[in-house]
Amino acid sequence: MKTYWNRFKKWAAGAALALLAIFGLYAPDGTTQTPTYAVTLTLPNANSDGSALPLSQITSYTVAYKVGAAATYTTKVVNGPFTGANQSTTIPKAFGTTCANAFVIANGQTGAATSPDVCVTNTAPPNPPSNLTVN
C-alpha cells in the first residue's frame, strides 16, 4: 500500500507541474514564471535643449504601466550604469489592455514620459469544456 501511495504522490506532483508548464507558470529547471511583456526602448542621447547626453549621465529609466483605462500606474525602475542605448526589461502580463510609457533620470533631472502611451491587449483564455464524458 505504501508503494502505491508513493507512486501516486509522484504522479500527482508530475501532473501538476506539467499543467503549470503548459500555462507558462513553471519551468523544468524548477523556477516558477509569471507571464510577462518585454518592454524595449532606446535611451536618449540628447537633452531637451539639444545638448549631448552621454549614457554615463543617465542614472535610471522608469517604465510606468497600467491595466485598463481607469487603473493607476505601477512603476518599474531600472538603474544604470548603462553600456548601450538599447534597453529591455519586463512587466507583468495581465488580461485586458496594458499601457506603458517610460522616462529617464539624468543629472538629477527627470525627463518627460513618452507620449502617447504604448498599449497592447491580452485576451483571456477560454473556459474549459463542460459535460465531458468517457464511455
N, C-alpha and C. Protein backbone atom coordinates (compact mmCIF):
# COMPACT_ATOMS: atom_id res chain seq x y z
N MET A 1 0.83 -1.19 0.00
CA MET A 1 0.00 0.00 0.00
C MET A 1 0.87 1.25 0.00
N LYS A 2 1.96 1.23 0.79
CA LYS A 2 2.84 2.39 0.85
C LYS A 2 3.45 2.70 -0.51
N THR A 3 3.86 1.65 -1.24
CA THR A 3 4.47 1.84 -2.55
C THR A 3 3.49 2.49 -3.51
N TYR A 4 2.23 2.02 -3.50
CA TYR A 4 1.22 2.61 -4.37
C TYR A 4 1.02 4.09 -4.04
N TRP A 5 0.95 4.42 -2.77
CA TRP A 5 0.74 5.81 -2.34
C TRP A 5 1.92 6.68 -2.79
N ASN A 6 3.14 6.19 -2.64
CA ASN A 6 4.31 6.96 -3.07
C ASN A 6 4.30 7.18 -4.58
N ARG A 7 3.93 6.16 -5.34
CA ARG A 7 3.83 6.31 -6.80
C ARG A 7 2.76 7.33 -7.16
N PHE A 8 1.63 7.26 -6.48
CA PHE A 8 0.55 8.20 -6.75
C PHE A 8 0.99 9.63 -6.46
N LYS A 9 1.68 9.86 -5.34
CA LYS A 9 2.14 11.21 -4.99
C LYS A 9 3.09 11.74 -6.06
N LYS A 10 4.00 10.89 -6.54
CA LYS A 10 4.94 11.32 -7.59
C LYS A 10 4.19 11.62 -8.88
N TRP A 11 3.23 10.77 -9.23
CA TRP A 11 2.44 11.01 -10.43
C TRP A 11 1.66 12.31 -10.32
N ALA A 12 1.01 12.55 -9.18
CA ALA A 12 0.22 13.77 -8.98
C ALA A 12 1.10 15.00 -9.05
N ALA A 13 2.26 14.94 -8.44
CA ALA A 13 3.18 16.08 -8.48
C ALA A 13 3.64 16.34 -9.91
N GLY A 14 3.96 15.28 -10.64
CA GLY A 14 4.38 15.43 -12.03
C GLY A 14 3.28 16.00 -12.90
N ALA A 15 2.05 15.53 -12.68
CA ALA A 15 0.92 16.04 -13.46
C ALA A 15 0.68 17.52 -13.17
N ALA A 16 0.78 17.90 -11.91
CA ALA A 16 0.59 19.31 -11.55
C ALA A 16 1.66 20.19 -12.18
N LEU A 17 2.91 19.75 -12.14
CA LEU A 17 4.00 20.52 -12.75
C LEU A 17 3.83 20.61 -14.27
N ALA A 18 3.36 19.54 -14.89
CA ALA A 18 3.13 19.56 -16.33
C ALA A 18 2.05 20.57 -16.69
N LEU A 19 0.97 20.62 -15.92
CA LEU A 19 -0.08 21.61 -16.18
C LEU A 19 0.45 23.03 -16.00
N LEU A 20 1.23 23.26 -14.96
CA LEU A 20 1.80 24.59 -14.75
C LEU A 20 2.73 24.96 -15.90
N ALA A 21 3.50 24.01 -16.40
CA ALA A 21 4.41 24.28 -17.51
C ALA A 21 3.63 24.64 -18.77
N ILE A 22 2.49 23.96 -18.99
CA ILE A 22 1.66 24.26 -20.16
C ILE A 22 1.20 25.71 -20.12
N PHE A 23 0.85 26.20 -18.95
CA PHE A 23 0.38 27.57 -18.82
C PHE A 23 1.51 28.56 -18.62
N GLY A 24 2.77 28.12 -18.69
CA GLY A 24 3.91 29.02 -18.58
C GLY A 24 4.21 29.47 -17.17
N LEU A 25 3.72 28.77 -16.17
CA LEU A 25 3.92 29.18 -14.79
C LEU A 25 5.00 28.37 -14.09
N TYR A 26 5.60 27.41 -14.78
CA TYR A 26 6.64 26.59 -14.18
C TYR A 26 7.61 26.18 -15.28
N ALA A 27 8.89 26.25 -14.99
CA ALA A 27 9.90 25.82 -15.94
C ALA A 27 10.52 24.52 -15.44
N PRO A 28 10.95 23.64 -16.35
CA PRO A 28 11.53 22.36 -15.93
C PRO A 28 12.74 22.50 -15.01
N ASP A 29 13.41 23.65 -15.02
CA ASP A 29 14.57 23.82 -14.14
C ASP A 29 14.15 24.12 -12.70
N GLY A 30 12.83 24.12 -12.43
CA GLY A 30 12.35 24.32 -11.07
C GLY A 30 11.94 25.74 -10.74
N THR A 31 12.13 26.67 -11.67
CA THR A 31 11.74 28.04 -11.39
C THR A 31 10.29 28.25 -11.76
N THR A 32 9.62 29.11 -11.03
CA THR A 32 8.26 29.47 -11.40
C THR A 32 8.35 30.73 -12.24
N GLN A 33 7.40 30.89 -13.14
CA GLN A 33 7.45 32.03 -14.04
C GLN A 33 6.10 32.70 -14.10
N THR A 34 6.12 34.01 -14.13
CA THR A 34 4.93 34.81 -14.33
C THR A 34 4.95 35.29 -15.77
N PRO A 35 3.86 35.16 -16.51
CA PRO A 35 3.86 35.67 -17.88
C PRO A 35 4.19 37.17 -17.89
N THR A 36 5.02 37.57 -18.85
CA THR A 36 5.45 38.97 -18.91
C THR A 36 5.42 39.50 -20.34
N TYR A 37 5.36 40.82 -20.43
CA TYR A 37 5.60 41.52 -21.69
C TYR A 37 7.05 41.98 -21.67
N ALA A 38 7.71 41.96 -22.82
CA ALA A 38 9.04 42.54 -22.95
C ALA A 38 8.86 44.00 -23.33
N VAL A 39 9.52 44.88 -22.61
CA VAL A 39 9.49 46.31 -22.91
C VAL A 39 10.88 46.69 -23.39
N THR A 40 10.98 47.19 -24.61
CA THR A 40 12.26 47.62 -25.15
C THR A 40 12.21 49.10 -25.46
N LEU A 41 13.33 49.76 -25.29
CA LEU A 41 13.39 51.19 -25.55
C LEU A 41 14.82 51.59 -25.88
N THR A 42 14.97 52.78 -26.43
CA THR A 42 16.28 53.35 -26.72
C THR A 42 16.45 54.58 -25.84
N LEU A 43 17.50 54.58 -25.05
CA LEU A 43 17.77 55.73 -24.17
C LEU A 43 18.14 56.94 -25.02
N PRO A 44 17.78 58.14 -24.56
CA PRO A 44 18.09 59.34 -25.34
C PRO A 44 19.60 59.62 -25.35
N ASN A 45 20.05 60.29 -26.41
CA ASN A 45 21.44 60.72 -26.48
C ASN A 45 21.58 62.23 -26.45
N ALA A 46 20.44 62.90 -26.15
CA ALA A 46 20.46 64.36 -26.08
C ALA A 46 19.48 64.84 -25.01
N ASN A 47 19.78 65.99 -24.44
CA ASN A 47 18.86 66.64 -23.50
C ASN A 47 17.80 67.40 -24.29
N SER A 48 16.78 67.89 -23.61
CA SER A 48 15.68 68.58 -24.29
C SER A 48 16.14 69.87 -24.97
N ASP A 49 17.29 70.43 -24.57
CA ASP A 49 17.81 71.63 -25.23
C ASP A 49 18.72 71.30 -26.40
N GLY A 50 18.90 70.01 -26.70
CA GLY A 50 19.72 69.58 -27.82
C GLY A 50 21.16 69.26 -27.45
N SER A 51 21.58 69.57 -26.24
CA SER A 51 22.95 69.26 -25.83
C SER A 51 23.12 67.75 -25.66
N ALA A 52 24.35 67.29 -25.82
CA ALA A 52 24.64 65.86 -25.76
C ALA A 52 24.36 65.29 -24.37
N LEU A 53 23.86 64.06 -24.35
CA LEU A 53 23.61 63.35 -23.10
C LEU A 53 24.31 61.99 -23.17
N PRO A 54 25.51 61.89 -22.60
CA PRO A 54 26.21 60.59 -22.60
C PRO A 54 25.48 59.58 -21.72
N LEU A 55 25.60 58.30 -22.08
CA LEU A 55 24.97 57.24 -21.29
C LEU A 55 25.43 57.28 -19.83
N SER A 56 26.65 57.70 -19.60
CA SER A 56 27.18 57.73 -18.24
C SER A 56 26.43 58.71 -17.34
N GLN A 57 25.68 59.64 -17.92
CA GLN A 57 24.93 60.62 -17.13
C GLN A 57 23.50 60.18 -16.85
N ILE A 58 23.07 59.08 -17.47
CA ILE A 58 21.71 58.58 -17.24
C ILE A 58 21.76 57.67 -16.01
N THR A 59 21.05 58.07 -14.97
CA THR A 59 21.03 57.33 -13.72
C THR A 59 20.12 56.12 -13.79
N SER A 60 18.93 56.30 -14.37
CA SER A 60 17.94 55.21 -14.43
C SER A 60 16.89 55.54 -15.47
N TYR A 61 16.11 54.53 -15.78
CA TYR A 61 14.88 54.78 -16.53
C TYR A 61 13.75 54.07 -15.80
N THR A 62 12.56 54.60 -15.98
CA THR A 62 11.38 54.07 -15.31
C THR A 62 10.33 53.72 -16.36
N VAL A 63 9.76 52.54 -16.22
CA VAL A 63 8.63 52.15 -17.06
C VAL A 63 7.39 52.23 -16.17
N ALA A 64 6.42 53.02 -16.59
CA ALA A 64 5.15 53.14 -15.87
C ALA A 64 4.09 52.41 -16.69
N TYR A 65 3.37 51.49 -16.05
CA TYR A 65 2.39 50.70 -16.78
C TYR A 65 1.10 50.58 -15.97
N LYS A 66 0.01 50.35 -16.70
CA LYS A 66 -1.30 50.16 -16.06
C LYS A 66 -2.13 49.22 -16.92
N VAL A 67 -3.09 48.54 -16.28
CA VAL A 67 -4.01 47.66 -16.99
C VAL A 67 -5.39 48.28 -16.89
N GLY A 68 -5.95 48.66 -18.04
CA GLY A 68 -7.26 49.31 -18.07
C GLY A 68 -7.14 50.82 -18.03
N ALA A 69 -8.11 51.50 -18.64
CA ALA A 69 -8.06 52.95 -18.76
C ALA A 69 -8.15 53.66 -17.41
N ALA A 70 -8.89 53.10 -16.46
CA ALA A 70 -9.09 53.78 -15.18
C ALA A 70 -8.05 53.38 -14.12
N ALA A 71 -7.14 52.50 -14.46
CA ALA A 71 -6.16 52.00 -13.48
C ALA A 71 -5.10 53.05 -13.17
N THR A 72 -4.46 52.87 -12.04
CA THR A 72 -3.33 53.73 -11.70
C THR A 72 -2.05 53.06 -12.20
N TYR A 73 -1.04 53.87 -12.43
CA TYR A 73 0.23 53.36 -12.93
C TYR A 73 1.03 52.66 -11.83
N THR A 74 1.70 51.60 -12.22
CA THR A 74 2.71 50.94 -11.41
C THR A 74 4.04 51.22 -12.09
N THR A 75 5.08 51.44 -11.31
CA THR A 75 6.36 51.77 -11.94
C THR A 75 7.40 50.70 -11.69
N LYS A 76 8.28 50.55 -12.64
CA LYS A 76 9.44 49.66 -12.53
C LYS A 76 10.66 50.48 -12.89
N VAL A 77 11.59 50.62 -11.94
CA VAL A 77 12.80 51.41 -12.14
C VAL A 77 13.94 50.47 -12.51
N VAL A 78 14.68 50.84 -13.55
CA VAL A 78 15.88 50.11 -13.95
C VAL A 78 17.05 51.06 -13.79
N ASN A 79 17.97 50.70 -12.89
CA ASN A 79 19.12 51.55 -12.58
C ASN A 79 20.30 51.25 -13.47
N GLY A 80 21.09 52.30 -13.75
CA GLY A 80 22.33 52.18 -14.52
C GLY A 80 23.44 51.67 -13.63
N PRO A 81 24.64 51.65 -14.09
CA PRO A 81 25.09 52.28 -15.33
C PRO A 81 24.69 51.46 -16.56
N PHE A 82 24.54 52.16 -17.67
CA PHE A 82 24.12 51.54 -18.92
C PHE A 82 25.30 51.50 -19.88
N THR A 83 25.46 50.38 -20.56
CA THR A 83 26.56 50.24 -21.51
C THR A 83 26.10 50.39 -22.95
N GLY A 84 24.81 50.44 -23.16
CA GLY A 84 24.27 50.61 -24.50
C GLY A 84 22.95 51.35 -24.46
N ALA A 85 22.61 51.99 -25.57
CA ALA A 85 21.36 52.77 -25.62
C ALA A 85 20.13 51.89 -25.68
N ASN A 86 20.23 50.71 -26.29
CA ASN A 86 19.08 49.81 -26.41
C ASN A 86 18.92 49.04 -25.12
N GLN A 87 17.74 49.16 -24.51
CA GLN A 87 17.47 48.54 -23.22
C GLN A 87 16.21 47.68 -23.30
N SER A 88 16.12 46.72 -22.39
CA SER A 88 14.96 45.84 -22.34
C SER A 88 14.70 45.45 -20.89
N THR A 89 13.44 45.37 -20.53
CA THR A 89 13.01 44.89 -19.22
C THR A 89 11.67 44.20 -19.41
N THR A 90 11.09 43.73 -18.35
CA THR A 90 9.79 43.07 -18.45
C THR A 90 8.80 43.69 -17.47
N ILE A 91 7.53 43.58 -17.83
CA ILE A 91 6.43 43.96 -16.93
C ILE A 91 5.44 42.81 -16.93
N PRO A 92 4.65 42.66 -15.86
CA PRO A 92 3.69 41.55 -15.80
C PRO A 92 2.66 41.60 -16.93
N LYS A 93 2.30 40.43 -17.41
CA LYS A 93 1.28 40.30 -18.44
C LYS A 93 -0.04 40.02 -17.75
N ALA A 94 -1.04 40.81 -18.05
CA ALA A 94 -2.36 40.66 -17.43
C ALA A 94 -3.43 40.66 -18.52
N PHE A 95 -4.59 40.10 -18.20
CA PHE A 95 -5.69 40.11 -19.16
C PHE A 95 -6.25 41.52 -19.23
N GLY A 96 -6.52 41.98 -20.42
CA GLY A 96 -7.02 43.32 -20.64
C GLY A 96 -5.99 44.13 -21.40
N THR A 97 -6.19 45.44 -21.44
CA THR A 97 -5.29 46.32 -22.16
C THR A 97 -4.27 46.90 -21.20
N THR A 98 -3.00 46.64 -21.48
CA THR A 98 -1.89 47.18 -20.69
C THR A 98 -1.26 48.32 -21.49
N CYS A 99 -1.11 49.46 -20.84
CA CYS A 99 -0.49 50.63 -21.47
C CYS A 99 0.75 51.01 -20.68
N ALA A 100 1.77 51.48 -21.37
CA ALA A 100 3.03 51.82 -20.71
C ALA A 100 3.65 53.06 -21.34
N ASN A 101 4.46 53.75 -20.53
CA ASN A 101 5.32 54.82 -21.02
C ASN A 101 6.63 54.72 -20.24
N ALA A 102 7.61 55.52 -20.62
CA ALA A 102 8.90 55.46 -19.95
C ALA A 102 9.51 56.86 -19.89
N PHE A 103 10.35 57.05 -18.88
CA PHE A 103 11.11 58.30 -18.77
C PHE A 103 12.45 58.00 -18.12
N VAL A 104 13.41 58.93 -18.33
CA VAL A 104 14.75 58.73 -17.78
C VAL A 104 15.06 59.80 -16.74
N ILE A 105 16.00 59.45 -15.87
CA ILE A 105 16.55 60.41 -14.92
C ILE A 105 18.03 60.54 -15.24
N ALA A 106 18.46 61.77 -15.50
CA ALA A 106 19.86 62.05 -15.82
C ALA A 106 20.26 63.37 -15.17
N ASN A 107 21.43 63.38 -14.58
CA ASN A 107 21.95 64.58 -13.94
C ASN A 107 20.96 65.16 -12.92
N GLY A 108 20.23 64.30 -12.22
CA GLY A 108 19.27 64.75 -11.22
C GLY A 108 17.98 65.31 -11.79
N GLN A 109 17.81 65.26 -13.09
CA GLN A 109 16.61 65.78 -13.75
C GLN A 109 15.77 64.62 -14.27
N THR A 110 14.46 64.74 -14.11
CA THR A 110 13.53 63.74 -14.64
C THR A 110 13.02 64.21 -15.99
N GLY A 111 13.22 63.40 -17.01
CA GLY A 111 12.75 63.75 -18.35
C GLY A 111 11.26 63.51 -18.50
N ALA A 112 10.73 63.98 -19.60
CA ALA A 112 9.31 63.78 -19.90
C ALA A 112 9.07 62.32 -20.26
N ALA A 113 7.86 61.86 -19.99
CA ALA A 113 7.47 60.49 -20.34
C ALA A 113 7.16 60.40 -21.82
N THR A 114 7.36 59.22 -22.38
CA THR A 114 6.97 59.01 -23.77
C THR A 114 5.47 59.25 -23.89
N SER A 115 5.08 59.80 -25.00
CA SER A 115 3.67 60.12 -25.20
C SER A 115 3.33 59.90 -26.67
N PRO A 116 2.22 59.30 -26.99
CA PRO A 116 1.23 58.72 -26.09
C PRO A 116 1.72 57.37 -25.54
N ASP A 117 0.96 56.84 -24.58
CA ASP A 117 1.27 55.51 -24.05
C ASP A 117 1.26 54.49 -25.19
N VAL A 118 2.06 53.46 -25.03
CA VAL A 118 2.04 52.32 -25.95
C VAL A 118 1.19 51.24 -25.28
N CYS A 119 0.21 50.71 -26.01
CA CYS A 119 -0.74 49.76 -25.41
C CYS A 119 -0.75 48.44 -26.18
N VAL A 120 -1.05 47.37 -25.44
CA VAL A 120 -1.22 46.04 -26.02
C VAL A 120 -2.35 45.36 -25.27
N THR A 121 -3.13 44.52 -25.98
CA THR A 121 -4.26 43.84 -25.37
C THR A 121 -4.01 42.34 -25.33
N ASN A 122 -4.25 41.76 -24.17
CA ASN A 122 -4.12 40.32 -23.98
C ASN A 122 -5.49 39.79 -23.58
N THR A 123 -6.05 38.95 -24.44
CA THR A 123 -7.38 38.41 -24.14
C THR A 123 -7.27 37.20 -23.23
N ALA A 124 -8.29 37.00 -22.44
CA ALA A 124 -8.33 35.87 -21.51
C ALA A 124 -8.48 34.57 -22.28
N PRO A 125 -7.89 33.47 -21.77
CA PRO A 125 -8.08 32.18 -22.45
C PRO A 125 -9.51 31.70 -22.26
N PRO A 126 -9.95 30.78 -23.12
CA PRO A 126 -11.32 30.28 -22.99
C PRO A 126 -11.47 29.40 -21.75
N ASN A 127 -12.70 29.27 -21.29
CA ASN A 127 -13.00 28.33 -20.21
C ASN A 127 -12.83 26.91 -20.72
N PRO A 128 -12.64 25.96 -19.82
CA PRO A 128 -12.53 24.56 -20.27
C PRO A 128 -13.89 24.06 -20.74
N PRO A 129 -13.89 22.99 -21.54
CA PRO A 129 -15.17 22.41 -21.99
C PRO A 129 -15.94 21.86 -20.80
N SER A 130 -17.21 21.70 -20.99
CA SER A 130 -18.04 21.12 -19.92
C SER A 130 -18.69 19.85 -20.43
N ASN A 131 -19.35 19.14 -19.53
CA ASN A 131 -20.08 17.92 -19.86
C ASN A 131 -19.23 16.86 -20.55
N LEU A 132 -17.99 16.73 -20.12
CA LEU A 132 -17.11 15.74 -20.70
C LEU A 132 -17.46 14.35 -20.17
N THR A 133 -17.62 13.41 -21.05
CA THR A 133 -17.89 12.03 -20.64
C THR A 133 -16.99 11.10 -21.42
N VAL A 134 -16.70 9.97 -20.82
CA VAL A 134 -15.94 8.91 -21.49
C VAL A 134 -16.72 7.63 -21.31
N ASN A 135 -17.06 6.98 -22.40
CA ASN A 135 -17.86 5.74 -22.34
C ASN A 135 -17.01 4.55 -22.68
